[in-house]
Each structure stands twice: as structure tokens, then as C-alpha cells.
Amino acid sequence: MDSHLMLRIIHMTFGSLALIAFLIQAALLFRKPHTQPGKANRIVLVAMQHLSFTVLILTGGVLLYQNQFVVQPWFYGKVILFVVIISATLKAFGKRDISLAQRKVGALVAGIAFAGLLTLVLWKPDFSASLAQQHSGQQQSTQQQSIQQSAMRQQIQQDQHTQ
């Protein structure tokens, strides 16, 4: 097995682990909001989350290097959503004294970001093709407008000559 495939498998495995850790923490937050998990359970969940995020960043960087930093347009969306996930999970599951409503909103935002990231991973949309189509469509419409304007000028000139 080549190193690129092995790194992708590790990357996907730890992405799944991060999602599992998030789902467990979110379930605990929404089902039993006033009771936090015990110290041992909290340490395991936080360690699992930190380890998975760290491995995701490291393997993602190595995969990016192996691809010579050539990325698809959806890659930037993945990076932005990953930053949102980290920020929202800090808000939702951080140790600081934060209100329950803010914790729930943080978990909700992180969940939406996870869903968006998974959508990008599964669909891999090609935004560049749609932009190229829009651009060519705009060029065609401006060409049609130019042709119509030329026809109108010719009509006006003919009308002036006949008078």
C-alpha cells in the first residue's frame, strides 16, 4: 500500500473519530444538560477529540504537501468549516463557565459545520465549472446585446436615409 493511500485512510479514520467524539459530547449536552460526564469520561472524550483534530491537521498537511499544494475549489470550504468546528466545539464543550444556551448553540453550529464538511467530502462539487458556464453565458449575452445594438443602429440609419 502506498503512503498516500495510507495517509488518506488515517485521515478518514480520525475524521470519523472526531465525529464520534462530537456526537457523544453533544448527546450528553442535550440529554443531561446539567450533569457533566465524570472526570475520567471527560478526559477520555477530550483526549479523543484533541488527538483526532491533531492527526487530521498533520495528515491533511502531509497530503497537501504530497499533492504539491494543488487543491480543488471545495478544499477551502473544508478548511473554513474545520476552523468553525474547532471554534464551536470550544464554545460548546470548553471547561469555562458558559451558559447552557451558549453551549447548545455552539454544539448546534458545530453540528451544522460537520454536516457541511461531510457534504463537501462526499459530493466534491466543482464550482469552477459552474463559474465558467456563468462566465460564458455572460459573454454570450453581451455578444447578443452587441448584435442587437448594431441591428438597431442600422435600422435607425436606414430610417434616416429614407426620410
Protein backbone atom coordinates (compact mmCIF):
# COMPACT_ATOMS: atom_id res chain seq x y z
CA MET A 1 0.00 0.00 0.00
CA ASP A 2 1.44 3.37 -0.95
CA SER A 3 1.91 6.16 1.57
CA HIS A 4 -0.70 8.45 0.01
CA LEU A 5 -3.47 5.86 0.39
CA MET A 6 -2.34 5.01 3.91
CA LEU A 7 -2.43 8.69 4.92
CA ARG A 8 -5.92 9.09 3.43
CA ILE A 9 -7.15 6.08 5.42
CA ILE A 10 -5.64 7.50 8.62
CA HIS A 11 -7.14 10.92 7.83
CA MET A 12 -10.62 9.46 7.28
CA THR A 13 -10.37 7.25 10.37
CA PHE A 14 -9.51 10.16 12.64
CA GLY A 15 -12.17 12.30 10.96
CA SER A 16 -14.68 9.62 11.92
CA LEU A 17 -13.25 9.52 15.44
CA ALA A 18 -13.66 13.31 15.74
CA LEU A 19 -17.28 13.00 14.62
CA ILE A 20 -17.95 10.20 17.12
CA ALA A 21 -16.42 12.23 19.97
CA PHE A 22 -18.54 15.22 18.97
CA LEU A 23 -21.74 13.17 18.78
CA ILE A 24 -21.14 11.65 22.23
CA GLN A 25 -20.45 15.05 23.78
CA ALA A 26 -23.46 16.63 22.04
CA ALA A 27 -25.75 13.80 23.15
CA LEU A 28 -24.60 14.26 26.75
CA LEU A 29 -25.10 18.02 26.49
CA PHE A 30 -28.65 17.80 25.12
CA ARG A 31 -29.89 14.79 27.12
CA LYS A 32 -28.41 15.63 30.51
CA PRO A 33 -27.54 19.31 30.28
CA HIS A 34 -26.95 19.93 33.98
CA THR A 35 -24.78 16.89 34.62
CA GLN A 36 -21.34 16.78 33.12
CA PRO A 37 -19.63 13.44 32.48
CA GLY A 38 -17.33 12.18 35.21
CA LYS A 39 -13.73 13.30 35.25
CA ALA A 40 -12.43 10.06 33.70
CA ASN A 41 -15.04 10.12 30.92
CA ARG A 42 -14.40 13.79 30.25
CA ILE A 43 -10.65 13.16 29.98
CA VAL A 44 -11.24 10.32 27.50
CA LEU A 45 -13.61 12.41 25.35
CA VAL A 46 -11.33 15.46 25.35
CA ALA A 47 -8.25 13.33 24.61
CA MET A 48 -10.08 11.59 21.76
CA GLN A 49 -11.14 14.95 20.35
CA HIS A 50 -7.71 16.56 20.68
CA LEU A 51 -5.94 13.54 19.22
CA SER A 52 -8.30 13.32 16.27
CA PHE A 53 -8.06 17.05 15.47
CA THR A 54 -4.26 16.94 15.74
CA VAL A 55 -3.96 13.90 13.48
CA LEU A 56 -6.40 15.47 11.00
CA ILE A 57 -4.26 18.61 10.79
CA LEU A 58 -1.00 16.66 10.45
CA THR A 59 -2.23 14.16 7.87
CA GLY A 60 -4.04 16.91 5.98
CA GLY A 61 -0.82 18.91 5.81
CA VAL A 62 1.19 15.92 4.59
CA LEU A 63 -1.46 15.05 1.99
CA LEU A 64 -1.44 18.66 0.84
CA TYR A 65 2.35 18.53 0.53
CA GLN A 66 2.17 15.25 -1.42
CA ASN A 67 -0.29 16.87 -3.84
CA GLN A 68 2.19 19.75 -4.25
CA PHE A 69 -0.38 22.15 -2.77
CA VAL A 70 -2.68 21.71 -5.79
CA VAL A 71 -6.22 21.69 -4.43
CA GLN A 72 -9.78 21.62 -5.69
CA PRO A 73 -12.00 24.68 -5.12
CA TRP A 74 -14.02 22.89 -2.41
CA PHE A 75 -10.85 22.40 -0.33
CA TYR A 76 -11.05 25.96 1.00
CA GLY A 77 -14.59 25.33 2.19
CA LYS A 78 -13.36 22.27 4.08
CA VAL A 79 -10.67 24.32 5.82
CA ILE A 80 -13.11 27.06 6.79
CA LEU A 81 -15.64 24.54 8.12
CA PHE A 82 -12.90 22.74 10.06
CA VAL A 83 -11.97 26.02 11.78
CA VAL A 84 -15.67 26.61 12.55
CA ILE A 85 -15.93 23.10 14.02
CA ILE A 86 -12.94 23.67 16.30
CA SER A 87 -14.21 27.09 17.39
CA ALA A 88 -17.77 25.90 18.03
CA THR A 89 -16.67 22.79 19.94
CA LEU A 90 -14.51 25.00 22.14
CA LYS A 91 -17.59 27.09 22.87
CA ALA A 92 -19.84 24.08 23.43
CA PHE A 93 -17.60 21.76 25.42
CA GLY A 94 -14.97 24.06 26.90
CA LYS A 95 -14.26 23.99 30.61
CA ARG A 96 -15.01 27.70 31.06
CA ASP A 97 -18.15 28.89 32.80
CA ILE A 98 -20.51 29.36 29.82
CA SER A 99 -24.31 29.38 29.94
CA LEU A 100 -26.19 26.28 28.84
CA ALA A 101 -27.86 28.14 25.96
CA GLN A 102 -24.47 29.21 24.58
CA ARG A 103 -23.15 25.65 24.90
CA LYS A 104 -26.14 24.29 22.99
CA VAL A 105 -25.77 26.88 20.25
CA GLY A 106 -22.07 26.04 19.98
CA ALA A 107 -22.92 22.35 19.62
CA LEU A 108 -25.58 23.18 17.02
CA VAL A 109 -23.15 25.31 14.99
CA ALA A 110 -20.51 22.58 15.18
CA GLY A 111 -23.08 20.01 14.05
CA ILE A 112 -24.09 22.13 11.06
CA ALA A 113 -20.41 22.65 10.19
CA PHE A 114 -19.78 18.89 10.43
CA ALA A 115 -22.74 18.27 8.11
CA GLY A 116 -21.42 20.84 5.64
CA LEU A 117 -17.93 19.39 5.75
CA LEU A 118 -19.21 15.85 5.19
CA THR A 119 -21.32 17.12 2.29
CA LEU A 120 -18.24 18.67 0.69
CA VAL A 121 -16.24 15.49 1.26
CA LEU A 122 -18.89 13.25 -0.29
CA TRP A 123 -20.03 15.43 -3.20
CA LYS A 124 -16.76 17.22 -4.05
CA PRO A 125 -18.62 19.92 -6.01
CA ASP A 126 -16.84 21.53 -8.95
CA PHE A 127 -17.52 25.23 -8.54
CA SER A 128 -15.08 26.17 -11.29
CA ALA A 129 -17.23 24.52 -14.00
CA SER A 130 -20.35 26.42 -12.96
CA LEU A 131 -18.39 29.68 -12.83
CA ALA A 132 -17.03 29.01 -16.31
CA GLN A 133 -20.56 28.35 -17.56
CA GLN A 134 -21.81 31.55 -15.96
CA HIS A 135 -18.92 33.49 -17.47
CA SER A 136 -19.51 32.04 -20.94
CA GLY A 137 -23.24 32.74 -20.53
CA GLN A 138 -22.46 36.36 -19.69
CA GLN A 139 -20.16 36.60 -22.71
CA GLN A 140 -22.91 35.21 -24.95
CA SER A 141 -25.47 37.65 -23.59
CA THR A 142 -23.11 40.62 -24.14
CA GLN A 143 -22.45 39.38 -27.69
CA GLN A 144 -26.20 39.16 -28.29
CA GLN A 145 -26.65 42.67 -26.91
CA SER A 146 -23.93 43.95 -29.24
CA ILE A 147 -25.60 42.31 -32.23
CA GLN A 148 -28.98 43.78 -31.24
CA GLN A 149 -27.46 47.25 -30.81
CA SER A 150 -25.79 47.01 -34.22
CA ALA A 151 -29.07 45.96 -35.81
CA MET A 152 -30.85 48.89 -34.14
CA ARG A 153 -28.18 51.34 -35.40
CA GLN A 154 -28.55 50.00 -38.92
CA GLN A 155 -32.33 50.33 -38.70
CA ILE A 156 -32.00 53.94 -37.47
CA GLN A 157 -29.56 54.76 -40.29
CA GLN A 158 -31.91 53.25 -42.87
CA ASP A 159 -34.83 55.19 -41.44
CA GLN A 160 -32.82 58.43 -41.62
CA HIS A 161 -31.85 57.79 -45.26
CA THR A 162 -35.43 57.09 -46.30
CA GLN A 163 -36.69 60.36 -44.81
